[in-house]
């Protein structure tokens, strides 16, 4: 069975997931570097629970994008599940 080319929506979704992942990784790296450069006497802030929730949403959307790319989900199902994961 020939493979079909990804649709514009699939390509946009994959690009959005990759961009979000790269942004998150870059932000985490910057935070680690800033923490290492900070004086040892400075108190450290508690981790923000929203960051963990954000990572969970990104992971869910990445899994959905993989299912979409494999053909297990339709574009409409992907959009509905993505909105559900975000909201």
C-alpha atoms as a PDB file:
ATOM      1  CA  UNK A   1       0.000   0.000   0.000  1.00  0.00           C
ATOM      2  CA  UNK A   2       1.592   3.315  -1.027  1.00  0.00           C
ATOM      3  CA  UNK A   3       2.223   5.877   1.673  1.00  0.00           C
ATOM      4  CA  UNK A   4       0.289   9.066   1.317  1.00  0.00           C
ATOM      5  CA  UNK A   5       1.940  12.415   1.815  1.00  0.00           C
ATOM      6  CA  UNK A   6       1.085  14.306   5.005  1.00  0.00           C
ATOM      7  CA  UNK A   7      -1.574  16.983   4.722  1.00  0.00           C
ATOM      8  CA  UNK A   8      -0.912  20.623   5.425  1.00  0.00           C
ATOM      9  CA  UNK A   9      -2.664  20.293   8.796  1.00  0.00           C
ATOM     10  CA  UNK A  10      -0.523  17.295   9.721  1.00  0.00           C
ATOM     11  CA  UNK A  11       2.629  19.151   8.780  1.00  0.00           C
ATOM     12  CA  UNK A  12       1.530  22.230  10.742  1.00  0.00           C
ATOM     13  CA  UNK A  13       0.671  20.106  13.791  1.00  0.00           C
ATOM     14  CA  UNK A  14       4.006  18.320  13.677  1.00  0.00           C
ATOM     15  CA  UNK A  15       5.839  21.644  13.315  1.00  0.00           C
ATOM     16  CA  UNK A  16       3.923  23.087  16.282  1.00  0.00           C
ATOM     17  CA  UNK A  17       4.817  20.116  18.467  1.00  0.00           C
ATOM     18  CA  UNK A  18       8.478  20.256  17.475  1.00  0.00           C
ATOM     19  CA  UNK A  19       8.604  24.012  18.066  1.00  0.00           C
ATOM     20  CA  UNK A  20       6.981  23.715  21.491  1.00  0.00           C
ATOM     21  CA  UNK A  21       9.360  20.923  22.448  1.00  0.00           C
ATOM     22  CA  UNK A  22      12.390  22.924  21.339  1.00  0.00           C
ATOM     23  CA  UNK A  23      11.162  25.995  23.204  1.00  0.00           C
ATOM     24  CA  UNK A  24      10.587  23.972  26.364  1.00  0.00           C
ATOM     25  CA  UNK A  25      14.006  22.338  26.178  1.00  0.00           C
ATOM     26  CA  UNK A  26      15.709  25.681  25.553  1.00  0.00           C
ATOM     27  CA  UNK A  27      13.836  27.252  28.472  1.00  0.00           C
ATOM     28  CA  UNK A  28      14.789  24.391  30.787  1.00  0.00           C
ATOM     29  CA  UNK A  29      18.436  24.662  29.733  1.00  0.00           C
ATOM     30  CA  UNK A  30      18.439  28.400  30.365  1.00  0.00           C
ATOM     31  CA  UNK A  31      16.895  27.888  33.810  1.00  0.00           C
ATOM     32  CA  UNK A  32      19.526  25.280  34.712  1.00  0.00           C
ATOM     33  CA  UNK A  33      22.338  27.549  33.556  1.00  0.00           C
ATOM     34  CA  UNK A  34      20.933  30.482  35.524  1.00  0.00           C
ATOM     35  CA  UNK A  35      20.596  28.318  38.624  1.00  0.00           C
ATOM     36  CA  UNK A  36      24.198  27.132  38.295  1.00  0.00           C
ATOM     37  CA  UNK A  37      25.436  30.714  37.909  1.00  0.00           C
ATOM     38  CA  UNK A  38      23.404  31.988  40.893  1.00  0.00           C
ATOM     39  CA  UNK A  39      25.208  32.366  44.238  1.00  0.00           C
ATOM     40  CA  UNK A  40      24.908  29.341  46.557  1.00  0.00           C
ATOM     41  CA  UNK A  41      23.376  31.478  49.326  1.00  0.00           C
ATOM     42  CA  UNK A  42      20.425  32.530  47.171  1.00  0.00           C
ATOM     43  CA  UNK A  43      17.222  30.632  47.988  1.00  0.00           C
ATOM     44  CA  UNK A  44      15.851  28.495  45.179  1.00  0.00           C
ATOM     45  CA  UNK A  45      12.262  28.804  44.091  1.00  0.00           C
ATOM     46  CA  UNK A  46       9.927  25.840  44.322  1.00  0.00           C
ATOM     47  CA  UNK A  47       9.085  24.238  40.974  1.00  0.00           C
ATOM     48  CA  UNK A  48       6.036  25.699  39.329  1.00  0.00           C
ATOM     49  CA  UNK A  49       3.235  23.105  39.052  1.00  0.00           C
ATOM     50  CA  UNK A  50       2.045  24.709  35.803  1.00  0.00           C
ATOM     51  CA  UNK A  51       5.314  23.674  34.144  1.00  0.00           C
ATOM     52  CA  UNK A  52       4.604  20.019  34.892  1.00  0.00           C
ATOM     53  CA  UNK A  53       1.082  20.391  33.537  1.00  0.00           C
ATOM     54  CA  UNK A  54       2.464  22.076  30.414  1.00  0.00           C
ATOM     55  CA  UNK A  55       4.920  19.225  29.844  1.00  0.00           C
ATOM     56  CA  UNK A  56       2.061  16.729  30.234  1.00  0.00           C
ATOM     57  CA  UNK A  57      -0.018  18.572  27.610  1.00  0.00           C
ATOM     58  CA  UNK A  58       2.942  18.650  25.225  1.00  0.00           C
ATOM     59  CA  UNK A  59       3.494  14.915  25.721  1.00  0.00           C
ATOM     60  CA  UNK A  60      -0.181  14.204  25.016  1.00  0.00           C
ATOM     61  CA  UNK A  61      -0.143  16.298  21.848  1.00  0.00           C
ATOM     62  CA  UNK A  62       3.061  14.587  20.694  1.00  0.00           C
ATOM     63  CA  UNK A  63       1.406  11.184  21.158  1.00  0.00           C
ATOM     64  CA  UNK A  64      -1.663  12.401  19.261  1.00  0.00           C
ATOM     65  CA  UNK A  65       0.544  13.741  16.451  1.00  0.00           C
ATOM     66  CA  UNK A  66       2.255  10.352  16.203  1.00  0.00           C
ATOM     67  CA  UNK A  67      -1.123   8.633  15.966  1.00  0.00           C
ATOM     68  CA  UNK A  68      -2.189  11.124  13.311  1.00  0.00           C
ATOM     69  CA  UNK A  69       1.006  10.569  11.333  1.00  0.00           C
ATOM     70  CA  UNK A  70       0.553   6.800  11.504  1.00  0.00           C
ATOM     71  CA  UNK A  71      -2.997   7.120  10.175  1.00  0.00           C
ATOM     72  CA  UNK A  72      -4.672   5.905  13.379  1.00  0.00           C
ATOM     73  CA  UNK A  73      -6.471   9.252  13.768  1.00  0.00           C
ATOM     74  CA  UNK A  74      -8.228  11.451  11.251  1.00  0.00           C
ATOM     75  CA  UNK A  75      -7.565  15.181  11.100  1.00  0.00           C
ATOM     76  CA  UNK A  76     -10.919  15.853  12.779  1.00  0.00           C
ATOM     77  CA  UNK A  77     -10.230  13.386  15.606  1.00  0.00           C
ATOM     78  CA  UNK A  78      -6.771  14.869  16.126  1.00  0.00           C
ATOM     79  CA  UNK A  79      -8.151  18.413  16.315  1.00  0.00           C
ATOM     80  CA  UNK A  80     -10.865  17.395  18.788  1.00  0.00           C
ATOM     81  CA  UNK A  81      -8.481  15.450  21.027  1.00  0.00           C
ATOM     82  CA  UNK A  82      -5.891  18.225  20.898  1.00  0.00           C
ATOM     83  CA  UNK A  83      -8.462  20.791  22.048  1.00  0.00           C
ATOM     84  CA  UNK A  84      -9.506  18.409  24.814  1.00  0.00           C
ATOM     85  CA  UNK A  85      -5.875  18.004  25.943  1.00  0.00           C
ATOM     86  CA  UNK A  86      -5.274  21.767  25.943  1.00  0.00           C
ATOM     87  CA  UNK A  87      -8.522  22.653  27.708  1.00  0.00           C
END
